[in-house]
Amino acid sequence: MRAAAFVGRRRIEIQDVPDPEIAAPDDVLVRVIRSGICGSDKRLYLSDGAKPGVHGHEAAGVVVEVGDAVTRVGEGDGVVVYDVIGCGKCAFCLQGQFTYCPQRKGGVSGGFGELLVAPERNLMRMPPRMPFDRACLMSDCFGTPAKAVRRVGAAAPDTVAVFGCGPIGLNAIMAAKAYGAGVIAVDPVQYRREAASELGANHAIDPENEDAVGRIRELTGTGANKAMECSANPAAGRQCIECLRPEGRAVFVGECGKLEISPSADLIRRDITIMGSWYMHLSDFPANVHLCDTTGADPLRVVTHTVPLEQIEAGFAAFCDMQEGCLKAIVQMAEP
């Protein structure tokens, strides 16, 4: 099969590699139709050295072969790939909470190849008539922020401050609006702020030229009820906490390495709640599909670039370097 090989810094080659094969009774072979370029994929393109293997985890495709023990999906079914592989047997896995599994086994990679193999439990059947372009975004790109919106409890009449207007932040804005909350978006990049406003943000703040915390307090009177950190920027993390009103709640989605917090000043004396939210659970998928079916939320509204596999390097360049107003890029691996 053909696959994207990350052979060095800013270098991607399309190579012929062996087809993956079913190795376990519960394995499923999937022909990849669409695959998203995720923010976590930037390291593949921007870091030095070769990165062996076939990468890509925001994938949707069609089942072409199943193992002997597979019963839930069959040949020809459209499926969305769930990335995190759990043991499949613990209490968390039995509830579809693979991210909590104490024996996690990495992730399902292979989205930038024509075929991939995944355990049956890591495949979510696509609803009828869902386009593959949207399907590949329903696990991470939309599923991650939508779950975080529910975790933080954003709903009417809350005002939610969203820090970072990349793909995750923009989808968080749509999800928060879908649940009835008002949104204040914070991002230093003008075209991202413009996108945030187009997707429903009531206000958009440039933190490099405005006091973001002061402006949020001015707009709300008391501070935001809820805040979401989607940038992985420590400075934005501080602002995310500081912009909250007493009894406010913040959820961290961007994977920031370190952030200094004073329990007394930041949490205790303001009754603030801070939580994290990583990826999504299987039970989030139908909730996210329903949200897209019944509201204006749609991850396709964030997609600005679509490229065939042969042009994946250009797609990565546009996404990583924010060329041509790129917000989100997806790769056309095959025709449905």
C-alpha atoms as a PDB file:
ATOM      1  CA  MET A   1       0.000   0.000   0.000  1.00  0.00           C
ATOM      2  CA  ARG A   2       0.980   3.667  -0.252  1.00  0.00           C
ATOM      3  CA  ALA A   3       1.677   5.618   2.926  1.00  0.00           C
ATOM      4  CA  ALA A   4       3.182   8.899   4.059  1.00  0.00           C
ATOM      5  CA  ALA A   5       6.686   8.430   5.482  1.00  0.00           C
ATOM      6  CA  PHE A   6       8.085  11.177   7.722  1.00  0.00           C
ATOM      7  CA  VAL A   7      11.729  10.989   6.725  1.00  0.00           C
ATOM      8  CA  GLY A   8      13.108  14.204   8.254  1.00  0.00           C
ATOM      9  CA  ARG A   9      12.343  17.737   9.297  1.00  0.00           C
ATOM     10  CA  ARG A  10       9.683  19.109   6.913  1.00  0.00           C
ATOM     11  CA  ARG A  11      10.158  16.081   4.650  1.00  0.00           C
ATOM     12  CA  ILE A  12       7.413  13.607   3.792  1.00  0.00           C
ATOM     13  CA  GLU A  13       7.675  10.938   1.110  1.00  0.00           C
ATOM     14  CA  ILE A  14       4.966   8.719  -0.308  1.00  0.00           C
ATOM     15  CA  GLN A  15       6.313   5.180  -0.114  1.00  0.00           C
ATOM     16  CA  ASP A  16       5.130   1.677  -0.878  1.00  0.00           C
ATOM     17  CA  VAL A  17       5.012  -0.305   2.378  1.00  0.00           C
ATOM     18  CA  PRO A  18       3.647  -3.747   3.270  1.00  0.00           C
ATOM     19  CA  ASP A  19      -0.092  -3.974   3.819  1.00  0.00           C
ATOM     20  CA  PRO A  20      -1.030  -4.372   7.494  1.00  0.00           C
ATOM     21  CA  GLU A  21      -2.580  -7.721   8.309  1.00  0.00           C
ATOM     22  CA  ILE A  22      -5.086  -9.000  10.826  1.00  0.00           C
ATOM     23  CA  ALA A  23      -3.129 -10.599  13.665  1.00  0.00           C
ATOM     24  CA  ALA A  24      -5.764 -11.178  16.372  1.00  0.00           C
ATOM     25  CA  PRO A  25      -9.306 -12.582  16.263  1.00  0.00           C
ATOM     26  CA  ASP A  26     -10.802  -9.195  17.135  1.00  0.00           C
ATOM     27  CA  ASP A  27      -8.768  -7.236  14.557  1.00  0.00           C
ATOM     28  CA  VAL A  28     -10.389  -5.338  11.697  1.00  0.00           C
ATOM     29  CA  LEU A  29      -8.734  -4.219   8.462  1.00  0.00           C
ATOM     30  CA  VAL A  30      -9.932  -0.788   7.358  1.00  0.00           C
ATOM     31  CA  ARG A  31      -9.446   1.016   4.047  1.00  0.00           C
ATOM     32  CA  VAL A  32      -8.780   4.620   5.047  1.00  0.00           C
ATOM     33  CA  ILE A  33     -10.902   7.189   3.212  1.00  0.00           C
ATOM     34  CA  ARG A  34     -10.135  10.410   5.085  1.00  0.00           C
ATOM     35  CA  SER A  35      -7.577  11.342   7.733  1.00  0.00           C
ATOM     36  CA  GLY A  36      -7.174  14.579   9.665  1.00  0.00           C
ATOM     37  CA  ILE A  37      -3.904  16.350  10.415  1.00  0.00           C
ATOM     38  CA  CYS A  38      -3.934  16.863  14.190  1.00  0.00           C
ATOM     39  CA  GLY A  39      -1.992  19.402  16.224  1.00  0.00           C
ATOM     40  CA  SER A  40      -0.168  16.519  17.901  1.00  0.00           C
ATOM     41  CA  ASP A  41       1.048  15.474  14.433  1.00  0.00           C
ATOM     42  CA  LYS A  42       3.100  18.654  14.081  1.00  0.00           C
ATOM     43  CA  ARG A  43       6.070  16.970  15.767  1.00  0.00           C
ATOM     44  CA  LEU A  44       6.171  14.450  12.911  1.00  0.00           C
ATOM     45  CA  TYR A  45       6.728  17.256  10.423  1.00  0.00           C
ATOM     46  CA  LEU A  46       8.728  19.789  12.437  1.00  0.00           C
ATOM     47  CA  SER A  47      11.186  17.615  14.376  1.00  0.00           C
ATOM     48  CA  ASP A  48      14.467  16.226  13.068  1.00  0.00           C
ATOM     49  CA  GLY A  49      15.067  12.649  12.031  1.00  0.00           C
ATOM     50  CA  ALA A  50      12.930   9.919  10.532  1.00  0.00           C
ATOM     51  CA  LYS A  51       9.800   8.725  12.337  1.00  0.00           C
ATOM     52  CA  PRO A  52       9.384   5.069  11.367  1.00  0.00           C
ATOM     53  CA  GLY A  53       5.982   3.518  10.914  1.00  0.00           C
ATOM     54  CA  VAL A  54       2.700   4.732   9.480  1.00  0.00           C
ATOM     55  CA  HIS A  55       1.236   7.598  11.476  1.00  0.00           C
ATOM     56  CA  GLY A  56      -2.107   9.398  11.644  1.00  0.00           C
ATOM     57  CA  HIS A  57      -4.900   8.844  14.165  1.00  0.00           C
ATOM     58  CA  GLU A  58      -7.858  10.965  12.988  1.00  0.00           C
ATOM     59  CA  ALA A  59      -9.117   8.409  10.500  1.00  0.00           C
ATOM     60  CA  ALA A  60     -12.362   7.170   9.007  1.00  0.00           C
ATOM     61  CA  GLY A  61     -12.764   4.446   6.457  1.00  0.00           C
ATOM     62  CA  VAL A  62     -14.482   1.275   5.264  1.00  0.00           C
ATOM     63  CA  VAL A  63     -14.108  -2.219   6.703  1.00  0.00           C
ATOM     64  CA  VAL A  64     -12.537  -4.627   4.208  1.00  0.00           C
ATOM     65  CA  GLU A  65     -11.777  -7.682   6.383  1.00  0.00           C
ATOM     66  CA  VAL A  66     -12.604  -8.863   9.910  1.00  0.00           C
ATOM     67  CA  GLY A  67     -11.098 -11.359  12.347  1.00  0.00           C
ATOM     68  CA  ASP A  68     -12.898 -14.512  13.396  1.00  0.00           C
ATOM     69  CA  ALA A  69     -14.169 -13.033  16.679  1.00  0.00           C
ATOM     70  CA  VAL A  70     -15.535  -9.782  15.199  1.00  0.00           C
ATOM     71  CA  THR A  71     -19.325  -9.473  15.435  1.00  0.00           C
ATOM     72  CA  ARG A  72     -20.179  -5.771  15.612  1.00  0.00           C
ATOM     73  CA  VAL A  73     -18.851  -4.532  12.262  1.00  0.00           C
ATOM     74  CA  GLY A  74     -18.686  -6.181   8.872  1.00  0.00           C
ATOM     75  CA  GLU A  75     -17.267  -5.743   5.413  1.00  0.00           C
ATOM     76  CA  GLY A  76     -18.448  -2.505   3.823  1.00  0.00           C
ATOM     77  CA  ASP A  77     -19.290  -0.705   7.068  1.00  0.00           C
ATOM     78  CA  GLY A  78     -18.123   2.874   7.434  1.00  0.00           C
ATOM     79  CA  VAL A  79     -16.204   3.376  10.681  1.00  0.00           C
ATOM     80  CA  VAL A  80     -14.526   6.102  12.711  1.00  0.00           C
ATOM     81  CA  VAL A  81     -11.276   5.081  14.395  1.00  0.00           C
ATOM     82  CA  TYR A  82     -10.965   5.618  18.150  1.00  0.00           C
ATOM     83  CA  ASP A  83      -7.285   6.213  18.847  1.00  0.00           C
ATOM     84  CA  VAL A  84      -6.484   5.013  22.386  1.00  0.00           C
ATOM     85  CA  ILE A  85      -6.120   1.227  22.766  1.00  0.00           C
ATOM     86  CA  GLY A  86      -7.155  -0.161  26.148  1.00  0.00           C
ATOM     87  CA  CYS A  87      -6.802  -3.730  27.366  1.00  0.00           C
ATOM     88  CA  GLY A  88     -10.469  -4.369  26.583  1.00  0.00           C
ATOM     89  CA  LYS A  89     -11.073  -6.260  29.823  1.00  0.00           C
ATOM     90  CA  CYS A  90     -10.775  -3.892  32.805  1.00  0.00           C
ATOM     91  CA  ALA A  91     -13.723  -2.039  34.360  1.00  0.00           C
ATOM     92  CA  PHE A  92     -12.841   1.148  32.487  1.00  0.00           C
ATOM     93  CA  CYS A  93     -12.559  -0.536  29.098  1.00  0.00           C
ATOM     94  CA  LEU A  94     -15.860  -2.336  29.593  1.00  0.00           C
ATOM     95  CA  GLN A  95     -17.420   1.127  29.932  1.00  0.00           C
ATOM     96  CA  GLY A  96     -15.661   2.425  26.820  1.00  0.00           C
ATOM     97  CA  GLN A  97     -13.287   4.596  28.870  1.00  0.00           C
ATOM     98  CA  PHE A  98     -10.056   3.432  27.264  1.00  0.00           C
ATOM     99  CA  THR A  99      -8.168   6.563  28.330  1.00  0.00           C
ATOM    100  CA  TYR A 100      -8.478   5.413  31.960  1.00  0.00           C
ATOM    101  CA  CYS A 101      -7.209   1.884  31.314  1.00  0.00           C
ATOM    102  CA  PRO A 102      -4.174   1.157  33.526  1.00  0.00           C
ATOM    103  CA  GLN A 103      -2.803  -1.103  30.777  1.00  0.00           C
ATOM    104  CA  ARG A 104      -3.169   1.247  27.816  1.00  0.00           C
ATOM    105  CA  LYS A 105      -1.333  -0.056  24.761  1.00  0.00           C
ATOM    106  CA  GLY A 106      -0.681   3.136  22.831  1.00  0.00           C
ATOM    107  CA  GLY A 107      -2.873   4.198  19.958  1.00  0.00           C
ATOM    108  CA  VAL A 108      -4.241   3.114  16.596  1.00  0.00           C
ATOM    109  CA  SER A 109      -1.905   4.601  14.016  1.00  0.00           C
ATOM    110  CA  GLY A 110      -1.973   4.241  10.273  1.00  0.00           C
ATOM    111  CA  GLY A 111      -4.336   6.988   9.146  1.00  0.00           C
ATOM    112  CA  PHE A 112      -1.789   8.292   6.659  1.00  0.00           C
ATOM    113  CA  GLY A 113      -1.666   4.914   4.927  1.00  0.00           C
ATOM    114  CA  GLU A 114      -4.209   3.339   2.626  1.00  0.00           C
ATOM    115  CA  LEU A 115      -4.975   0.553   5.129  1.00  0.00           C
ATOM    116  CA  LEU A 116      -4.882   0.203   8.898  1.00  0.00           C
ATOM    117  CA  VAL A 117      -5.692  -2.487  11.448  1.00  0.00           C
ATOM    118  CA  ALA A 118      -7.576  -1.757  14.669  1.00  0.00           C
ATOM    119  CA  PRO A 119      -9.285  -3.814  17.377  1.00  0.00           C
ATOM    120  CA  GLU A 120     -13.034  -3.992  16.827  1.00  0.00           C
ATOM    121  CA  ARG A 121     -13.628  -2.158  20.115  1.00  0.00           C
ATOM    122  CA  ASN A 122     -11.744   0.852  18.664  1.00  0.00           C
ATOM    123  CA  LEU A 123     -14.147   1.298  15.776  1.00  0.00           C
ATOM    124  CA  MET A 124     -17.319   3.391  15.932  1.00  0.00           C
ATOM    125  CA  ARG A 125     -19.852   2.750  13.182  1.00  0.00           C
ATOM    126  CA  MET A 126     -20.589   5.823  11.112  1.00  0.00           C
ATOM    127  CA  PRO A 127     -24.191   7.017  11.045  1.00  0.00           C
ATOM    128  CA  PRO A 128     -25.945   6.707   7.672  1.00  0.00           C
ATOM    129  CA  ARG A 129     -25.216   9.580   5.296  1.00  0.00           C
ATOM    130  CA  MET A 130     -22.376  11.038   7.384  1.00  0.00           C
ATOM    131  CA  PRO A 131     -19.634  12.165   4.967  1.00  0.00           C
ATOM    132  CA  PHE A 132     -16.178  10.734   5.558  1.00  0.00           C
ATOM    133  CA  ASP A 133     -14.755  14.274   5.695  1.00  0.00           C
ATOM    134  CA  ARG A 134     -16.812  14.892   8.843  1.00  0.00           C
ATOM    135  CA  ALA A 135     -16.394  11.373  10.200  1.00  0.00           C
ATOM    136  CA  CYS A 136     -12.597  11.601  10.480  1.00  0.00           C
ATOM    137  CA  LEU A 137     -13.031  14.690  12.687  1.00  0.00           C
ATOM    138  CA  MET A 138     -15.598  13.201  15.075  1.00  0.00           C
ATOM    139  CA  SER A 139     -13.156  11.403  17.363  1.00  0.00           C
ATOM    140  CA  ASP A 140     -10.394  13.870  18.248  1.00  0.00           C
ATOM    141  CA  CYS A 141     -10.945  17.202  16.510  1.00  0.00           C
ATOM    142  CA  PHE A 142     -14.580  17.540  17.618  1.00  0.00           C
ATOM    143  CA  GLY A 143     -14.899  14.772  20.182  1.00  0.00           C
ATOM    144  CA  THR A 144     -12.132  16.071  22.447  1.00  0.00           C
ATOM    145  CA  PRO A 145     -13.480  19.631  22.908  1.00  0.00           C
ATOM    146  CA  ALA A 146     -17.125  18.527  22.990  1.00  0.00           C
ATOM    147  CA  LYS A 147     -16.371  16.174  25.878  1.00  0.00           C
ATOM    148  CA  ALA A 148     -14.465  18.983  27.638  1.00  0.00           C
ATOM    149  CA  VAL A 149     -17.436  21.328  27.230  1.00  0.00           C
ATOM    150  CA  ARG A 150     -19.650  18.765  28.933  1.00  0.00           C
ATOM    151  CA  ARG A 151     -17.077  18.114  31.673  1.00  0.00           C
ATOM    152  CA  VAL A 152     -16.818  21.781  32.580  1.00  0.00           C
ATOM    153  CA  GLY A 153     -20.609  22.064  32.410  1.00  0.00           C
ATOM    154  CA  ALA A 154     -20.831  24.899  29.907  1.00  0.00           C
ATOM    155  CA  ALA A 155     -24.461  25.764  29.195  1.00  0.00           C
ATOM    156  CA  ALA A 156     -26.878  28.688  29.259  1.00  0.00           C
ATOM    157  CA  PRO A 157     -26.566  31.219  30.824  1.00  0.00           C
ATOM    158  CA  ASP A 158     -22.799  30.716  31.259  1.00  0.00           C
ATOM    159  CA  THR A 159     -20.126  32.802  29.632  1.00  0.00           C
ATOM    160  CA  VAL A 160     -17.205  30.605  28.574  1.00  0.00           C
ATOM    161  CA  ALA A 161     -13.750  32.009  27.864  1.00  0.00           C
ATOM    162  CA  VAL A 162     -11.937  29.854  25.287  1.00  0.00           C
ATOM    163  CA  PHE A 163      -8.165  30.331  25.145  1.00  0.00           C
ATOM    164  CA  GLY A 164      -6.660  29.211  21.844  1.00  0.00           C
ATOM    165  CA  CYS A 165      -8.556  29.206  18.553  1.00  0.00           C
ATOM    166  CA  GLY A 166      -6.878  26.375  16.718  1.00  0.00           C
ATOM    167  CA  PRO A 167      -9.031  23.432  15.599  1.00  0.00           C
ATOM    168  CA  ILE A 168      -9.712  22.260  19.174  1.00  0.00           C
ATOM    169  CA  GLY A 169     -10.594  25.727  20.442  1.00  0.00           C
ATOM    170  CA  LEU A 170     -12.814  26.518  17.461  1.00  0.00           C
ATOM    171  CA  ASN A 171     -14.717  23.269  17.891  1.00  0.00           C
ATOM    172  CA  ALA A 172     -14.996  24.029  21.609  1.00  0.00           C
ATOM    173  CA  ILE A 173     -16.607  27.343  20.685  1.00  0.00           C
ATOM    174  CA  MET A 174     -19.167  25.603  18.488  1.00  0.00           C
ATOM    175  CA  ALA A 175     -19.937  22.991  21.144  1.00  0.00           C
ATOM    176  CA  ALA A 176     -20.298  25.590  23.906  1.00  0.00           C
ATOM    177  CA  LYS A 177     -22.612  27.662  21.720  1.00  0.00           C
ATOM    178  CA  ALA A 178     -24.618  24.541  20.881  1.00  0.00           C
ATOM    179  CA  TYR A 179     -25.225  24.031  24.599  1.00  0.00           C
ATOM    180  CA  GLY A 180     -26.415  27.626  24.948  1.00  0.00           C
ATOM    181  CA  ALA A 181     -23.373  29.353  26.460  1.00  0.00           C
ATOM    182  CA  GLY A 182     -21.970  32.705  25.458  1.00  0.00           C
ATOM    183  CA  VAL A 183     -18.343  32.613  24.346  1.00  0.00           C
ATOM    184  CA  ILE A 184     -15.363  34.929  24.605  1.00  0.00           C
ATOM    185  CA  ALA A 185     -12.506  33.756  22.376  1.00  0.00           C
ATOM    186  CA  VAL A 186      -8.861  34.601  23.059  1.00  0.00           C
ATOM    187  CA  ASP A 187      -6.127  34.154  20.432  1.00  0.00           C
ATOM    188  CA  PRO A 188      -3.234  36.297  19.167  1.00  0.00           C
ATOM    189  CA  VAL A 189      -3.792  35.383  15.488  1.00  0.00           C
ATOM    190  CA  GLN A 190      -6.219  37.662  13.692  1.00  0.00           C
ATOM    191  CA  TYR A 191      -7.646  35.167  11.208  1.00  0.00           C
ATOM    192  CA  ARG A 192      -8.276  32.697  14.008  1.00  0.00           C
ATOM    193  CA  ARG A 193     -10.157  35.365  15.965  1.00  0.00           C
ATOM    194  CA  GLU A 194     -12.187  36.107  12.847  1.00  0.00           C
ATOM    195  CA  ALA A 195     -12.996  32.410  12.498  1.00  0.00           C
ATOM    196  CA  ALA A 196     -14.033  32.288  16.160  1.00  0.00           C
ATOM    197  CA  SER A 197     -16.468  35.142  15.581  1.00  0.00           C
ATOM    198  CA  GLU A 198     -17.870  33.478  12.459  1.00  0.00           C
ATOM    199  CA  LEU A 199     -18.442  30.280  14.456  1.00  0.00           C
ATOM    200  CA  GLY A 200     -20.391  32.050  17.160  1.00  0.00           C
ATOM    201  CA  ALA A 201     -18.023  33.720  19.642  1.00  0.00           C
ATOM    202  CA  ASN A 202     -19.662  36.816  21.067  1.00  0.00           C
ATOM    203  CA  HIS A 203     -16.308  38.564  21.536  1.00  0.00           C
ATOM    204  CA  ALA A 204     -12.755  37.883  20.347  1.00  0.00           C
ATOM    205  CA  ILE A 205      -9.725  39.209  22.232  1.00  0.00           C
ATOM    206  CA  ASP A 206      -6.134  39.670  21.085  1.00  0.00           C
ATOM    207  CA  PRO A 207      -4.060  38.844  24.206  1.00  0.00           C
ATOM    208  CA  GLU A 208      -0.946  40.473  22.736  1.00  0.00           C
ATOM    209  CA  ASN A 209      -2.584  43.880  22.430  1.00  0.00           C
ATOM    210  CA  GLU A 210      -5.223  43.717  25.165  1.00  0.00           C
ATOM    211  CA  ASP A 211      -5.355  42.716  28.809  1.00  0.00           C
ATOM    212  CA  ALA A 212      -7.313  39.527  28.216  1.00  0.00           C
ATOM    213  CA  VAL A 213      -8.251  38.968  31.856  1.00  0.00           C
ATOM    214  CA  GLY A 214      -9.260  42.595  32.355  1.00  0.00           C
ATOM    215  CA  ARG A 215     -11.299  42.601  29.169  1.00  0.00           C
ATOM    216  CA  ILE A 216     -13.117  39.380  30.127  1.00  0.00           C
ATOM    217  CA  ARG A 217     -13.970  40.844  33.524  1.00  0.00           C
ATOM    218  CA  GLU A 218     -15.148  44.038  31.834  1.00  0.00           C
ATOM    219  CA  LEU A 219     -17.389  42.102  29.457  1.00  0.00           C
ATOM    220  CA  THR A 220     -18.852  39.835  32.139  1.00  0.00           C
ATOM    221  CA  GLY A 221     -18.872  42.125  35.172  1.00  0.00           C
ATOM    222  CA  THR A 222     -17.672  39.373  37.512  1.00  0.00           C
ATOM    223  CA  GLY A 223     -15.462  37.133  35.378  1.00  0.00           C
ATOM    224  CA  ALA A 224     -16.245  34.130  33.206  1.00  0.00           C
ATOM    225  CA  ASN A 225     -18.324  31.309  34.683  1.00  0.00           C
ATOM    226  CA  LYS A 226     -16.310  28.727  32.769  1.00  0.00           C
ATOM    227  CA  ALA A 227     -12.986  28.756  30.933  1.00  0.00           C
ATOM    228  CA  MET A 228     -11.289  26.351  28.537  1.00  0.00           C
ATOM    229  CA  GLU A 229      -7.547  26.233  27.885  1.00  0.00           C
ATOM    230  CA  CYS A 230      -7.022  24.868  24.364  1.00  0.00           C
ATOM    231  CA  SER A 231      -3.644  26.348  23.428  1.00  0.00           C
ATOM    232  CA  ALA A 232      -1.067  24.530  25.632  1.00  0.00           C
ATOM    233  CA  ASN A 233       0.420  27.976  26.326  1.00  0.00           C
ATOM    234  CA  PRO A 234       1.377  28.479  30.017  1.00  0.00           C
ATOM    235  CA  ALA A 235       0.565  32.205  29.811  1.00  0.00           C
ATOM    236  CA  ALA A 236      -2.898  31.365  28.504  1.00  0.00           C
ATOM    237  CA  GLY A 237      -3.222  28.806  31.291  1.00  0.00           C
ATOM    238  CA  ARG A 238      -2.667  31.523  33.875  1.00  0.00           C
ATOM    239  CA  GLN A 239      -5.202  33.779  32.176  1.00  0.00           C
ATOM    240  CA  CYS A 240      -7.662  30.889  32.017  1.00  0.00           C
ATOM    241  CA  ILE A 241      -7.591  30.644  35.813  1.00  0.00           C
ATOM    242  CA  GLU A 242      -7.428  34.364  36.533  1.00  0.00           C
ATOM    243  CA  CYS A 243     -10.382  35.286  34.314  1.00  0.00           C
ATOM    244  CA  LEU A 244     -12.833  33.179  36.321  1.00  0.00           C
ATOM    245  CA  ARG A 245     -15.405  34.573  38.686  1.00  0.00           C
ATOM    246  CA  PRO A 246     -15.605  33.063  42.202  1.00  0.00           C
ATOM    247  CA  GLU A 247     -16.879  29.468  41.961  1.00  0.00           C
ATOM    248  CA  GLY A 248     -15.806  29.368  38.329  1.00  0.00           C
ATOM    249  CA  ARG A 249     -14.623  26.204  36.605  1.00  0.00           C
ATOM    250  CA  ALA A 250     -11.722  25.751  34.196  1.00  0.00           C
ATOM    251  CA  VAL A 251     -10.927  22.770  32.009  1.00  0.00           C
ATOM    252  CA  PHE A 252      -7.488  22.227  30.494  1.00  0.00           C
ATOM    253  CA  VAL A 253      -7.457  20.558  27.076  1.00  0.00           C
ATOM    254  CA  GLY A 254      -4.180  21.838  25.615  1.00  0.00           C
ATOM    255  CA  GLU A 255      -1.318  19.724  26.933  1.00  0.00           C
ATOM    256  CA  CYS A 256       0.769  22.336  28.735  1.00  0.00           C
ATOM    257  CA  GLY A 257       3.967  20.967  30.272  1.00  0.00           C
ATOM    258  CA  LYS A 258       4.112  23.088  33.430  1.00  0.00           C
ATOM    259  CA  LEU A 259       1.987  25.757  35.061  1.00  0.00           C
ATOM    260  CA  GLU A 260       2.548  27.347  38.457  1.00  0.00           C
ATOM    261  CA  ILE A 261      -0.553  27.469  40.630  1.00  0.00           C
ATOM    262  CA  SER A 262      -1.050  28.823  44.136  1.00  0.00           C
ATOM    263  CA  PRO A 263      -3.682  26.639  45.818  1.00  0.00           C
ATOM    264  CA  SER A 264      -4.549  29.393  48.304  1.00  0.00           C
ATOM    265  CA  ALA A 265      -4.757  32.361  45.946  1.00  0.00           C
ATOM    266  CA  ASP A 266      -5.922  30.603  42.806  1.00  0.00           C
ATOM    267  CA  LEU A 267      -8.264  27.950  44.174  1.00  0.00           C
ATOM    268  CA  ILE A 268      -9.160  27.978  47.848  1.00  0.00           C
ATOM    269  CA  ARG A 269      -9.988  31.644  48.382  1.00  0.00           C
ATOM    270  CA  ARG A 270     -11.979  31.838  45.172  1.00  0.00           C
ATOM    271  CA  ASP A 271     -13.671  28.419  45.332  1.00  0.00           C
ATOM    272  CA  ILE A 272     -12.297  27.669  41.869  1.00  0.00           C
ATOM    273  CA  THR A 273     -12.439  24.223  40.261  1.00  0.00           C
ATOM    274  CA  ILE A 274      -9.753  23.185  37.767  1.00  0.00           C
ATOM    275  CA  MET A 275      -9.999  19.945  35.794  1.00  0.00           C
ATOM    276  CA  GLY A 276      -8.407  18.230  32.859  1.00  0.00           C
ATOM    277  CA  SER A 277     -10.052  16.530  29.909  1.00  0.00           C
ATOM    278  CA  TRP A 278      -8.214  14.125  27.626  1.00  0.00           C
ATOM    279  CA  TYR A 279      -9.658  12.857  24.366  1.00  0.00           C
ATOM    280  CA  MET A 280     -13.155  11.306  24.559  1.00  0.00           C
ATOM    281  CA  HIS A 281     -14.950   8.125  25.610  1.00  0.00           C
ATOM    282  CA  LEU A 282     -16.905   5.812  23.313  1.00  0.00           C
ATOM    283  CA  SER A 283     -20.111   7.014  24.965  1.00  0.00           C
ATOM    284  CA  ASP A 284     -19.335  10.554  23.794  1.00  0.00           C
ATOM    285  CA  PHE A 285     -19.637   9.584  20.136  1.00  0.00           C
ATOM    286  CA  PRO A 286     -23.449   9.369  19.884  1.00  0.00           C
ATOM    287  CA  ALA A 287     -23.764  12.538  21.977  1.00  0.00           C
ATOM    288  CA  ASN A 288     -21.432  14.351  19.589  1.00  0.00           C
ATOM    289  CA  VAL A 289     -23.264  13.047  16.524  1.00  0.00           C
ATOM    290  CA  HIS A 290     -26.547  14.248  18.019  1.00  0.00           C
ATOM    291  CA  LEU A 291     -25.021  17.665  18.702  1.00  0.00           C
ATOM    292  CA  CYS A 292     -23.958  18.007  15.068  1.00  0.00           C
ATOM    293  CA  ASP A 293     -27.309  16.726  13.791  1.00  0.00           C
ATOM    294  CA  THR A 294     -29.420  19.109  15.868  1.00  0.00           C
ATOM    295  CA  THR A 295     -27.372  22.319  16.128  1.00  0.00           C
ATOM    296  CA  GLY A 296     -25.044  24.453  14.041  1.00  0.00           C
ATOM    297  CA  ALA A 297     -21.977  22.639  15.384  1.00  0.00           C
ATOM    298  CA  ASP A 298     -20.048  20.939  12.590  1.00  0.00           C
ATOM    299  CA  PRO A 299     -16.292  20.258  12.542  1.00  0.00           C
ATOM    300  CA  LEU A 300     -16.319  20.666   8.757  1.00  0.00           C
ATOM    301  CA  ARG A 301     -16.812  24.398   9.331  1.00  0.00           C
ATOM    302  CA  VAL A 302     -13.219  24.512  10.632  1.00  0.00           C
ATOM    303  CA  VAL A 303     -11.694  22.684   7.636  1.00  0.00           C
ATOM    304  CA  THR A 304      -9.931  25.090   5.271  1.00  0.00           C
ATOM    305  CA  HIS A 305      -7.590  22.740   3.404  1.00  0.00           C
ATOM    306  CA  THR A 306      -8.150  19.315   1.859  1.00  0.00           C
ATOM    307  CA  VAL A 307      -5.291  17.580   0.058  1.00  0.00           C
ATOM    308  CA  PRO A 308      -4.757  14.173  -1.586  1.00  0.00           C
ATOM    309  CA  LEU A 309      -2.182  11.822  -0.083  1.00  0.00           C
ATOM    310  CA  GLU A 310       0.326  12.857  -2.773  1.00  0.00           C
ATOM    311  CA  GLN A 311       0.180  16.442  -1.469  1.00  0.00           C
ATOM    312  CA  ILE A 312       0.237  15.680   2.257  1.00  0.00           C
ATOM    313  CA  GLU A 313       3.519  17.580   2.682  1.00  0.00           C
ATOM    314  CA  ALA A 314       1.812  20.746   1.415  1.00  0.00           C
ATOM    315  CA  GLY A 315      -1.075  20.090   3.802  1.00  0.00           C
ATOM    316  CA  PHE A 316       1.312  19.823   6.742  1.00  0.00           C
ATOM    317  CA  ALA A 317       3.144  22.976   5.691  1.00  0.00           C
ATOM    318  CA  ALA A 318      -0.105  24.951   5.475  1.00  0.00           C
ATOM    319  CA  PHE A 319      -1.268  23.656   8.856  1.00  0.00           C
ATOM    320  CA  CYS A 320       2.007  23.940  10.781  1.00  0.00           C
ATOM    321  CA  ASP A 321       3.019  27.309   9.330  1.00  0.00           C
ATOM    322  CA  MET A 322      -0.531  28.738   9.296  1.00  0.00           C
ATOM    323  CA  GLN A 323      -0.312  29.423   5.578  1.00  0.00           C
ATOM    324  CA  GLU A 324      -3.265  30.690   3.570  1.00  0.00           C
ATOM    325  CA  GLY A 325      -5.421  31.072   6.663  1.00  0.00           C
ATOM    326  CA  CYS A 326      -5.215  27.353   7.429  1.00  0.00           C
ATOM    327  CA  LEU A 327      -7.300  26.231  10.381  1.00  0.00           C
ATOM    328  CA  LYS A 328      -7.658  22.494   9.819  1.00  0.00           C
ATOM    329  CA  ALA A 329      -6.421  20.200   7.053  1.00  0.00           C
ATOM    330  CA  ILE A 330      -7.639  16.764   6.085  1.00  0.00           C
ATOM    331  CA  VAL A 331      -6.090  14.210   3.728  1.00  0.00           C
ATOM    332  CA  GLN A 332      -8.095  12.441   1.018  1.00  0.00           C
ATOM    333  CA  MET A 333      -6.729   8.918   1.226  1.00  0.00           C
ATOM    334  CA  ALA A 334      -9.234   7.318  -1.174  1.00  0.00           C
ATOM    335  CA  GLU A 335     -12.638   7.850  -2.679  1.00  0.00           C
ATOM    336  CA  PRO A 336     -15.592   6.397  -0.736  1.00  0.00           C
END
